[in-house]
């Protein structure tokens, strides 16, 4: 239980390599929140976790080895959070930037395609914001966390009333 099969520094090194690899891989694959994951996305994350487990622990199933690996991953996550908070260039690289999907009723298909966002997903976000079509949208922005923010156009009736 307490005897480790590999040195502690190897567990730390393996954890760092796997964490950075997955961070880069998941950053490349797109912007989605956990609540927006399709069933196949969730299955992928679960299988991915299982696939990288052995590369992190090098066959070491000791309690201390697991604690070292967990501490390494949590420490890296804290460090990445700290660095992205202090350095806006790294924040843009790691977390991405918001992307304009709709502006003044005009849909940007190229941005939708690059973000791998379907019309169904966009239309669902528009409906949640009370818009029934793209023509009613002043702006729709794909935030860096995967959420879609929608601002409806001001209705001419609303402007006259105020």
Protein backbone atom coordinates (compact mmCIF):
# COMPACT_ATOMS: atom_id res chain seq x y z
CA UNK A 1 0.00 0.00 0.00
CA UNK A 2 2.80 2.44 0.83
CA UNK A 3 5.60 0.95 -1.28
CA UNK A 4 5.97 2.80 -4.55
CA UNK A 5 7.02 1.00 -7.74
CA UNK A 6 8.57 4.13 -9.29
CA UNK A 7 10.31 7.20 -7.83
CA UNK A 8 8.08 10.10 -6.72
CA UNK A 9 9.64 12.50 -9.24
CA UNK A 10 8.66 10.17 -12.11
CA UNK A 11 5.02 10.32 -11.01
CA UNK A 12 5.21 14.12 -10.91
CA UNK A 13 6.86 14.24 -14.34
CA UNK A 14 4.31 11.85 -15.87
CA UNK A 15 1.46 13.84 -14.34
CA UNK A 16 2.82 17.09 -15.77
CA UNK A 17 3.28 15.63 -19.26
CA UNK A 18 -0.19 14.06 -19.38
CA UNK A 19 -1.85 17.20 -17.96
CA UNK A 20 -0.20 19.49 -20.51
CA UNK A 21 -0.95 17.08 -23.35
CA UNK A 22 -4.64 16.84 -22.43
CA UNK A 23 -4.88 20.60 -21.87
CA UNK A 24 -3.54 21.24 -25.37
CA UNK A 25 -5.68 18.50 -26.92
CA UNK A 26 -8.90 19.65 -25.28
CA UNK A 27 -8.14 23.29 -26.12
CA UNK A 28 -7.76 22.39 -29.79
CA UNK A 29 -11.00 20.40 -29.93
CA UNK A 30 -13.31 23.30 -29.12
CA UNK A 31 -15.39 25.18 -26.60
CA UNK A 32 -18.06 23.34 -24.71
CA UNK A 33 -19.27 23.48 -21.17
CA UNK A 34 -19.80 20.24 -19.29
CA UNK A 35 -23.56 20.84 -19.46
CA UNK A 36 -23.30 21.15 -23.23
CA UNK A 37 -21.49 17.86 -23.76
CA UNK A 38 -23.19 15.45 -26.09
CA UNK A 39 -23.31 11.84 -24.85
CA UNK A 40 -20.38 10.88 -27.10
CA UNK A 41 -18.32 13.78 -25.67
CA UNK A 42 -18.92 12.52 -22.14
CA UNK A 43 -18.02 8.96 -23.12
CA UNK A 44 -14.84 10.28 -24.74
CA UNK A 45 -13.81 12.07 -21.53
CA UNK A 46 -14.43 8.98 -19.42
CA UNK A 47 -12.49 6.70 -21.77
CA UNK A 48 -9.74 9.31 -22.07
CA UNK A 49 -9.34 9.40 -18.29
CA UNK A 50 -8.97 5.64 -18.23
CA UNK A 51 -6.55 5.69 -21.18
CA UNK A 52 -4.11 8.11 -19.57
CA UNK A 53 -4.25 6.60 -16.09
CA UNK A 54 -1.49 4.07 -16.73
CA UNK A 55 0.71 6.62 -18.45
CA UNK A 56 0.56 8.72 -15.29
CA UNK A 57 1.04 6.04 -12.65
CA UNK A 58 3.55 3.82 -14.54
CA UNK A 59 1.90 0.75 -13.01
CA UNK A 60 2.30 2.12 -9.49
CA UNK A 61 -0.95 1.40 -7.66
CA UNK A 62 0.30 2.46 -4.24
CA UNK A 63 -1.62 4.89 -2.08
CA UNK A 64 1.28 7.34 -1.95
CA UNK A 65 1.72 7.15 -5.74
CA UNK A 66 -1.95 8.03 -6.26
CA UNK A 67 -1.74 10.89 -3.78
CA UNK A 68 1.39 12.27 -5.48
CA UNK A 69 -0.27 12.11 -8.89
CA UNK A 70 -3.46 13.75 -7.58
CA UNK A 71 -1.47 16.50 -5.86
CA UNK A 72 0.50 17.08 -9.06
CA UNK A 73 -2.68 17.45 -11.14
CA UNK A 74 -4.32 19.79 -8.63
CA UNK A 75 -1.14 21.82 -8.32
CA UNK A 76 -0.86 22.13 -12.11
CA UNK A 77 -4.48 23.19 -12.36
CA UNK A 78 -3.89 25.86 -9.72
CA UNK A 79 -0.71 27.01 -11.48
CA UNK A 80 -2.43 27.26 -14.88
CA UNK A 81 -5.27 29.23 -13.28
CA UNK A 82 -2.79 31.58 -11.62
CA UNK A 83 -0.72 32.09 -14.78
CA UNK A 84 -3.77 32.73 -16.99
CA UNK A 85 -5.09 35.23 -14.47
CA UNK A 86 -1.83 37.20 -14.53
CA UNK A 87 -0.87 36.85 -18.20
CA UNK A 88 -3.52 37.78 -20.77
CA UNK A 89 -1.51 36.36 -23.68
CA UNK A 90 -1.37 32.94 -22.05
CA UNK A 91 -5.03 33.29 -21.10
CA UNK A 92 -5.92 33.75 -24.77
CA UNK A 93 -3.82 30.73 -25.76
CA UNK A 94 -5.14 28.42 -23.05
CA UNK A 95 -8.73 29.60 -22.62
CA UNK A 96 -9.36 31.20 -26.01
CA UNK A 97 -11.23 34.38 -26.84
CA UNK A 98 -14.94 35.02 -27.36
CA UNK A 99 -16.08 34.72 -30.98
CA UNK A 100 -18.87 36.71 -32.63
CA UNK A 101 -21.45 34.37 -34.18
CA UNK A 102 -24.11 36.95 -35.10
CA UNK A 103 -23.87 40.73 -35.47
CA UNK A 104 -26.85 42.91 -36.41
CA UNK A 105 -28.81 39.92 -37.70
CA UNK A 106 -25.94 38.60 -39.84
CA UNK A 107 -24.80 35.06 -39.12
CA UNK A 108 -21.09 34.27 -39.53
CA UNK A 109 -21.10 30.73 -40.91
CA UNK A 110 -17.30 30.55 -40.99
CA UNK A 111 -17.09 31.18 -37.24
CA UNK A 112 -19.81 28.59 -36.62
CA UNK A 113 -17.92 26.01 -38.70
CA UNK A 114 -14.59 26.75 -37.01
CA UNK A 115 -16.22 26.40 -33.57
CA UNK A 116 -18.01 23.21 -34.69
CA UNK A 117 -21.28 24.74 -33.59
CA UNK A 118 -24.49 23.51 -35.19
CA UNK A 119 -27.44 25.66 -36.17
CA UNK A 120 -29.52 23.64 -33.71
CA UNK A 121 -27.22 24.64 -30.82
CA UNK A 122 -27.27 28.30 -31.87
CA UNK A 123 -31.05 28.31 -32.31
CA UNK A 124 -31.50 26.76 -28.86
CA UNK A 125 -29.40 29.58 -27.35
CA UNK A 126 -31.42 32.17 -29.28
CA UNK A 127 -34.71 30.71 -28.03
CA UNK A 128 -33.43 30.73 -24.43
CA UNK A 129 -32.82 34.46 -24.90
CA UNK A 130 -36.26 35.10 -26.33
CA UNK A 131 -35.24 35.40 -29.99
CA UNK A 132 -36.96 33.32 -32.65
CA UNK A 133 -34.56 34.04 -35.50
CA UNK A 134 -31.09 35.37 -36.27
CA UNK A 135 -32.72 38.51 -37.69
CA UNK A 136 -33.80 39.48 -34.15
CA UNK A 137 -30.25 39.28 -32.77
CA UNK A 138 -27.99 42.28 -32.26
CA UNK A 139 -25.14 40.01 -31.21
CA UNK A 140 -24.54 36.39 -30.31
CA UNK A 141 -21.13 35.58 -28.88
CA UNK A 142 -19.55 32.21 -28.24
CA UNK A 143 -17.82 32.86 -24.93
CA UNK A 144 -14.48 31.26 -24.13
CA UNK A 145 -16.21 28.93 -21.65
CA UNK A 146 -18.52 27.54 -24.36
CA UNK A 147 -21.66 29.48 -23.41
CA UNK A 148 -23.49 31.55 -26.03
CA UNK A 149 -24.43 35.09 -24.96
CA UNK A 150 -27.26 36.66 -26.93
CA UNK A 151 -28.29 40.32 -27.07
CA UNK A 152 -31.55 40.96 -28.90
CA UNK A 153 -32.02 43.93 -31.19
CA UNK A 154 -33.96 46.79 -29.75
CA UNK A 155 -37.47 46.77 -31.12
CA UNK A 156 -38.61 50.05 -32.64
CA UNK A 157 -41.76 49.80 -30.46
CA UNK A 158 -39.59 49.58 -27.32
CA UNK A 159 -37.61 52.66 -28.36
CA UNK A 160 -40.80 54.71 -28.89
CA UNK A 161 -42.18 53.64 -25.50
CA UNK A 162 -39.11 54.81 -23.59
